[in-house]
């Protein structure tokens, strides 16, 4: 056996500093897009549910499927909280209108 032959004939890849910057930029953009999608799902629950269903059915990666599941959960929770707040408003509105001091503010 010749001692001058290296056991690994493939040279080690060199890391380009621009490549590291590109990867960090892609990670930053992915984070920003994720935050915007979550905010849209939070403020517009119907859009969040639609995005969640689309991401869950058409996604090819696990990251996008996880994002779709989160959008779907945010949309459903937001609609449930909205319905709860509406029910409490109606219930408490009827309760406060029957109080004795409510008549001087225009109650019947």
N, C-alpha and C. Protein backbone atom coordinates (compact mmCIF):
# COMPACT_ATOMS: atom_id res chain seq x y z
N UNK A 1 0.85 -1.18 0.00
CA UNK A 1 0.00 0.00 0.00
C UNK A 1 0.88 1.23 0.00
N UNK A 2 0.53 2.19 -0.84
CA UNK A 2 1.31 3.42 -0.98
C UNK A 2 0.88 4.40 0.11
N UNK A 3 1.83 4.96 0.83
CA UNK A 3 1.50 5.86 1.93
C UNK A 3 1.19 7.27 1.47
N UNK A 4 1.37 7.59 0.19
CA UNK A 4 1.10 8.94 -0.30
C UNK A 4 -0.34 9.11 -0.73
N UNK A 5 -1.09 8.05 -0.87
CA UNK A 5 -2.49 8.14 -1.29
C UNK A 5 -3.34 8.41 -0.05
N UNK A 6 -4.16 9.45 -0.14
CA UNK A 6 -5.03 9.78 0.99
C UNK A 6 -6.24 8.85 0.98
N UNK A 7 -6.80 8.55 2.16
CA UNK A 7 -7.96 7.65 2.21
C UNK A 7 -9.20 8.29 1.61
N UNK A 8 -9.29 9.61 1.57
CA UNK A 8 -10.46 10.30 1.02
C UNK A 8 -10.01 11.11 -0.19
N UNK A 9 -10.29 10.63 -1.42
CA UNK A 9 -9.82 11.34 -2.60
C UNK A 9 -10.61 12.62 -2.88
N UNK A 10 -11.79 12.79 -2.27
CA UNK A 10 -12.60 13.98 -2.51
C UNK A 10 -12.14 15.06 -1.55
N UNK A 11 -11.79 16.25 -2.08
CA UNK A 11 -11.34 17.31 -1.17
C UNK A 11 -12.51 17.84 -0.34
N UNK A 12 -12.20 18.32 0.83
CA UNK A 12 -13.22 18.89 1.71
C UNK A 12 -13.76 20.17 1.09
N UNK A 13 -15.09 20.35 1.11
CA UNK A 13 -15.66 21.56 0.52
C UNK A 13 -15.31 22.78 1.36
N UNK A 14 -15.06 23.86 0.66
CA UNK A 14 -14.81 25.11 1.37
C UNK A 14 -16.13 25.85 1.53
N UNK A 15 -16.27 26.53 2.63
CA UNK A 15 -17.50 27.27 2.92
C UNK A 15 -17.34 28.69 2.42
N UNK A 16 -18.20 29.05 1.50
CA UNK A 16 -18.20 30.39 0.96
C UNK A 16 -18.91 31.31 1.95
N UNK A 17 -18.30 32.44 2.33
CA UNK A 17 -18.98 33.33 3.29
C UNK A 17 -20.27 33.92 2.72
N UNK A 18 -20.34 34.05 1.40
CA UNK A 18 -21.58 34.56 0.80
C UNK A 18 -22.69 33.53 0.89
N UNK A 19 -22.33 32.26 0.85
CA UNK A 19 -23.32 31.21 0.97
C UNK A 19 -23.96 31.22 2.37
N UNK A 20 -23.17 31.46 3.38
CA UNK A 20 -23.71 31.56 4.74
C UNK A 20 -24.64 32.75 4.86
N UNK A 21 -24.30 33.84 4.21
CA UNK A 21 -25.18 35.02 4.23
C UNK A 21 -26.49 34.73 3.51
N UNK A 22 -26.40 34.02 2.40
CA UNK A 22 -27.62 33.69 1.66
C UNK A 22 -28.54 32.80 2.50
N UNK A 23 -27.94 31.81 3.18
CA UNK A 23 -28.75 30.93 4.02
C UNK A 23 -29.38 31.69 5.18
N UNK A 24 -28.66 32.61 5.77
CA UNK A 24 -29.24 33.39 6.87
C UNK A 24 -30.33 34.33 6.36
N UNK A 25 -30.17 34.86 5.15
CA UNK A 25 -31.20 35.71 4.57
C UNK A 25 -32.47 34.90 4.28
N UNK A 26 -32.30 33.69 3.77
CA UNK A 26 -33.45 32.83 3.52
C UNK A 26 -34.15 32.48 4.83
N UNK A 27 -33.40 32.20 5.87
CA UNK A 27 -34.00 31.92 7.18
C UNK A 27 -34.77 33.12 7.71
N UNK A 28 -34.21 34.30 7.54
CA UNK A 28 -34.88 35.52 8.00
C UNK A 28 -36.17 35.76 7.22
N UNK A 29 -36.11 35.58 5.91
CA UNK A 29 -37.32 35.77 5.09
C UNK A 29 -38.39 34.74 5.44
N UNK A 30 -37.97 33.50 5.71
CA UNK A 30 -38.93 32.47 6.11
C UNK A 30 -39.60 32.85 7.44
N UNK A 31 -38.82 33.39 8.36
CA UNK A 31 -39.37 33.81 9.64
C UNK A 31 -40.36 34.96 9.47
N UNK A 32 -40.01 35.94 8.63
CA UNK A 32 -40.91 37.08 8.40
C UNK A 32 -42.20 36.64 7.74
N UNK A 33 -42.11 35.76 6.75
CA UNK A 33 -43.31 35.27 6.08
C UNK A 33 -44.18 34.49 7.06
N UNK A 34 -43.56 33.69 7.91
CA UNK A 34 -44.31 32.94 8.91
C UNK A 34 -45.06 33.87 9.86
N UNK A 35 -44.39 34.91 10.32
CA UNK A 35 -45.03 35.85 11.23
C UNK A 35 -46.20 36.55 10.55
N UNK A 36 -46.03 36.97 9.30
CA UNK A 36 -47.12 37.64 8.60
C UNK A 36 -48.30 36.71 8.39
N UNK A 37 -48.03 35.46 8.04
CA UNK A 37 -49.12 34.50 7.83
C UNK A 37 -49.85 34.24 9.14
N UNK A 38 -49.12 34.14 10.24
CA UNK A 38 -49.77 33.93 11.54
C UNK A 38 -50.59 35.16 11.95
N UNK A 39 -50.09 36.35 11.68
CA UNK A 39 -50.85 37.56 12.01
C UNK A 39 -52.13 37.66 11.17
N UNK A 40 -52.04 37.32 9.89
CA UNK A 40 -53.24 37.32 9.05
C UNK A 40 -54.23 36.30 9.57
N UNK A 41 -53.75 35.13 9.97
CA UNK A 41 -54.64 34.11 10.51
C UNK A 41 -55.28 34.55 11.82
N UNK A 42 -54.58 35.36 12.58
CA UNK A 42 -55.10 35.83 13.85
C UNK A 42 -56.15 36.92 13.67
N UNK A 43 -55.90 37.87 12.77
CA UNK A 43 -56.82 38.99 12.59
C UNK A 43 -57.95 38.69 11.62
N UNK A 44 -57.76 37.76 10.69
CA UNK A 44 -58.79 37.35 9.74
C UNK A 44 -58.94 35.83 9.83
N UNK A 45 -59.76 35.36 10.75
CA UNK A 45 -59.81 33.92 11.02
C UNK A 45 -60.28 33.08 9.83
N UNK A 46 -61.16 33.61 9.01
CA UNK A 46 -61.61 32.85 7.84
C UNK A 46 -60.45 32.65 6.86
N UNK A 47 -59.64 33.68 6.67
CA UNK A 47 -58.46 33.55 5.81
C UNK A 47 -57.48 32.56 6.42
N UNK A 48 -57.34 32.56 7.73
CA UNK A 48 -56.47 31.61 8.40
C UNK A 48 -56.92 30.17 8.19
N UNK A 49 -58.22 29.95 8.24
CA UNK A 49 -58.74 28.59 8.02
C UNK A 49 -58.50 28.18 6.57
N UNK A 50 -58.74 29.09 5.63
CA UNK A 50 -58.50 28.77 4.22
C UNK A 50 -57.02 28.49 3.96
N UNK A 51 -56.14 29.35 4.50
CA UNK A 51 -54.70 29.11 4.35
C UNK A 51 -54.28 27.79 4.98
N UNK A 52 -54.83 27.49 6.14
CA UNK A 52 -54.50 26.24 6.81
C UNK A 52 -54.88 25.02 6.00
N UNK A 53 -56.07 25.05 5.43
CA UNK A 53 -56.52 23.92 4.61
C UNK A 53 -55.67 23.79 3.35
N UNK A 54 -55.37 24.92 2.72
CA UNK A 54 -54.54 24.89 1.50
C UNK A 54 -53.14 24.38 1.82
N UNK A 55 -52.54 24.88 2.89
CA UNK A 55 -51.19 24.45 3.24
C UNK A 55 -51.15 22.98 3.63
N UNK A 56 -52.19 22.51 4.33
CA UNK A 56 -52.20 21.11 4.75
C UNK A 56 -52.40 20.16 3.57
N UNK A 57 -53.18 20.56 2.58
CA UNK A 57 -53.47 19.65 1.47
C UNK A 57 -52.41 19.71 0.37
N UNK A 58 -51.82 20.87 0.11
CA UNK A 58 -50.90 20.99 -1.02
C UNK A 58 -49.44 21.06 -0.61
N UNK A 59 -49.13 21.01 0.66
CA UNK A 59 -47.74 21.17 1.11
C UNK A 59 -46.91 19.94 0.75
N UNK A 60 -45.65 20.21 0.43
CA UNK A 60 -44.73 19.12 0.11
C UNK A 60 -43.71 18.92 1.23
N UNK A 61 -43.55 19.89 2.11
CA UNK A 61 -42.59 19.76 3.20
C UNK A 61 -43.32 19.77 4.54
N UNK A 62 -42.65 19.26 5.53
CA UNK A 62 -43.24 19.23 6.87
C UNK A 62 -43.36 20.62 7.48
N UNK A 63 -42.44 21.53 7.13
CA UNK A 63 -42.50 22.89 7.67
C UNK A 63 -43.77 23.60 7.21
N UNK A 64 -44.12 23.45 5.95
CA UNK A 64 -45.32 24.11 5.43
C UNK A 64 -46.57 23.46 6.01
N UNK A 65 -46.55 22.16 6.19
CA UNK A 65 -47.71 21.49 6.81
C UNK A 65 -47.89 21.95 8.25
N UNK A 66 -46.78 22.12 8.97
CA UNK A 66 -46.86 22.62 10.35
C UNK A 66 -47.40 24.05 10.36
N UNK A 67 -46.98 24.86 9.39
CA UNK A 67 -47.48 26.23 9.30
C UNK A 67 -48.98 26.23 9.00
N UNK A 68 -49.42 25.33 8.13
CA UNK A 68 -50.85 25.23 7.83
C UNK A 68 -51.67 24.79 9.03
N UNK A 69 -51.13 23.86 9.80
CA UNK A 69 -51.83 23.41 11.01
C UNK A 69 -51.96 24.54 12.01
N UNK A 70 -50.89 25.34 12.15
CA UNK A 70 -50.93 26.48 13.07
C UNK A 70 -51.94 27.52 12.60
N UNK A 71 -51.98 27.80 11.30
CA UNK A 71 -52.96 28.76 10.76
C UNK A 71 -54.38 28.28 11.00
N UNK A 72 -54.60 27.00 10.79
CA UNK A 72 -55.93 26.43 11.00
C UNK A 72 -56.34 26.53 12.47
N UNK A 73 -55.43 26.21 13.37
CA UNK A 73 -55.73 26.29 14.80
C UNK A 73 -55.99 27.74 15.22
N UNK A 74 -55.17 28.68 14.74
CA UNK A 74 -55.38 30.09 15.07
C UNK A 74 -56.74 30.59 14.57
N UNK A 75 -57.11 30.19 13.36
CA UNK A 75 -58.40 30.61 12.81
C UNK A 75 -59.57 30.06 13.60
N UNK A 76 -59.50 28.79 13.96
CA UNK A 76 -60.60 28.17 14.71
C UNK A 76 -60.71 28.76 16.12
N UNK A 77 -59.57 28.95 16.79
CA UNK A 77 -59.59 29.53 18.13
C UNK A 77 -60.13 30.96 18.08
N UNK A 78 -59.73 31.72 17.06
CA UNK A 78 -60.19 33.10 16.97
C UNK A 78 -61.69 33.17 16.72
N UNK A 79 -62.22 32.30 15.89
CA UNK A 79 -63.68 32.29 15.66
C UNK A 79 -64.40 31.88 16.93
N UNK A 80 -63.88 30.90 17.67
CA UNK A 80 -64.52 30.49 18.92
C UNK A 80 -64.52 31.63 19.94
N UNK A 81 -63.39 32.35 20.05
CA UNK A 81 -63.34 33.49 20.97
C UNK A 81 -64.27 34.61 20.54
N UNK A 82 -64.40 34.81 19.24
CA UNK A 82 -65.31 35.84 18.73
C UNK A 82 -66.75 35.49 19.07
N UNK A 83 -67.14 34.23 18.89
CA UNK A 83 -68.50 33.81 19.23
C UNK A 83 -68.75 33.89 20.74
N UNK A 84 -67.76 33.55 21.53
CA UNK A 84 -67.89 33.67 22.98
C UNK A 84 -68.07 35.12 23.40
N UNK A 85 -67.29 36.02 22.82
CA UNK A 85 -67.42 37.44 23.15
C UNK A 85 -68.78 37.98 22.71
N UNK A 86 -69.27 37.54 21.56
CA UNK A 86 -70.58 37.99 21.10
C UNK A 86 -71.68 37.48 22.03
N UNK A 87 -71.58 36.22 22.45
CA UNK A 87 -72.58 35.67 23.38
C UNK A 87 -72.55 36.39 24.72
N UNK A 88 -71.36 36.67 25.22
CA UNK A 88 -71.27 37.41 26.49
C UNK A 88 -71.82 38.82 26.36
N UNK A 89 -71.58 39.45 25.24
CA UNK A 89 -72.10 40.80 25.02
C UNK A 89 -73.62 40.81 25.01
N UNK A 90 -74.21 39.85 24.33
CA UNK A 90 -75.67 39.78 24.28
C UNK A 90 -76.24 39.44 25.66
N UNK A 91 -75.61 38.50 26.33
CA UNK A 91 -76.12 38.09 27.65
C UNK A 91 -75.97 39.21 28.67
N UNK A 92 -74.82 39.85 28.71
CA UNK A 92 -74.62 40.92 29.68
C UNK A 92 -75.40 42.17 29.31
N UNK A 93 -75.64 42.40 28.03
CA UNK A 93 -76.45 43.55 27.62
C UNK A 93 -77.88 43.41 28.11
N UNK A 94 -78.42 42.21 28.01
CA UNK A 94 -79.77 41.97 28.52
C UNK A 94 -79.82 42.04 30.03
N UNK A 95 -78.77 41.60 30.70
CA UNK A 95 -78.72 41.65 32.15
C UNK A 95 -78.64 43.09 32.65
N UNK A 96 -77.81 43.90 32.01
CA UNK A 96 -77.65 45.29 32.46
C UNK A 96 -78.87 46.14 32.14
N UNK A 97 -79.61 45.80 31.12
CA UNK A 97 -80.79 46.59 30.81
C UNK A 97 -81.92 46.34 31.82
N UNK A 98 -81.86 45.25 32.56
CA UNK A 98 -82.91 44.97 33.54
C UNK A 98 -82.58 45.51 34.93
N UNK A 99 -81.42 46.12 35.10
CA UNK A 99 -81.06 46.68 36.40
C UNK A 99 -81.83 47.97 36.64
N UNK A 100 -82.09 48.32 37.91
CA UNK A 100 -82.92 49.50 38.21
C UNK A 100 -82.28 50.81 37.76
N UNK A 101 -80.97 50.94 37.83
CA UNK A 101 -80.35 52.21 37.46
C UNK A 101 -80.17 52.37 35.96
N UNK A 102 -80.53 51.34 35.17
CA UNK A 102 -80.37 51.42 33.71
C UNK A 102 -81.45 52.28 33.09
N UNK A 103 -82.55 52.59 33.79
CA UNK A 103 -83.63 53.36 33.21
C UNK A 103 -83.27 54.81 33.00
N UNK A 104 -82.40 55.36 33.80
CA UNK A 104 -82.08 56.78 33.61
C UNK A 104 -81.14 57.00 32.43
N UNK A 105 -80.58 55.91 31.87
CA UNK A 105 -79.72 56.05 30.68
C UNK A 105 -80.45 55.65 29.41
N UNK A 106 -81.71 55.59 29.44
CA UNK A 106 -82.47 55.31 28.25
C UNK A 106 -83.01 53.89 28.19
N UNK A 107 -82.88 53.13 29.24
CA UNK A 107 -83.42 51.77 29.25
C UNK A 107 -84.92 51.79 29.41
N UNK A 108 -85.59 50.74 29.06
CA UNK A 108 -87.04 50.69 29.12
C UNK A 108 -87.50 50.06 30.43
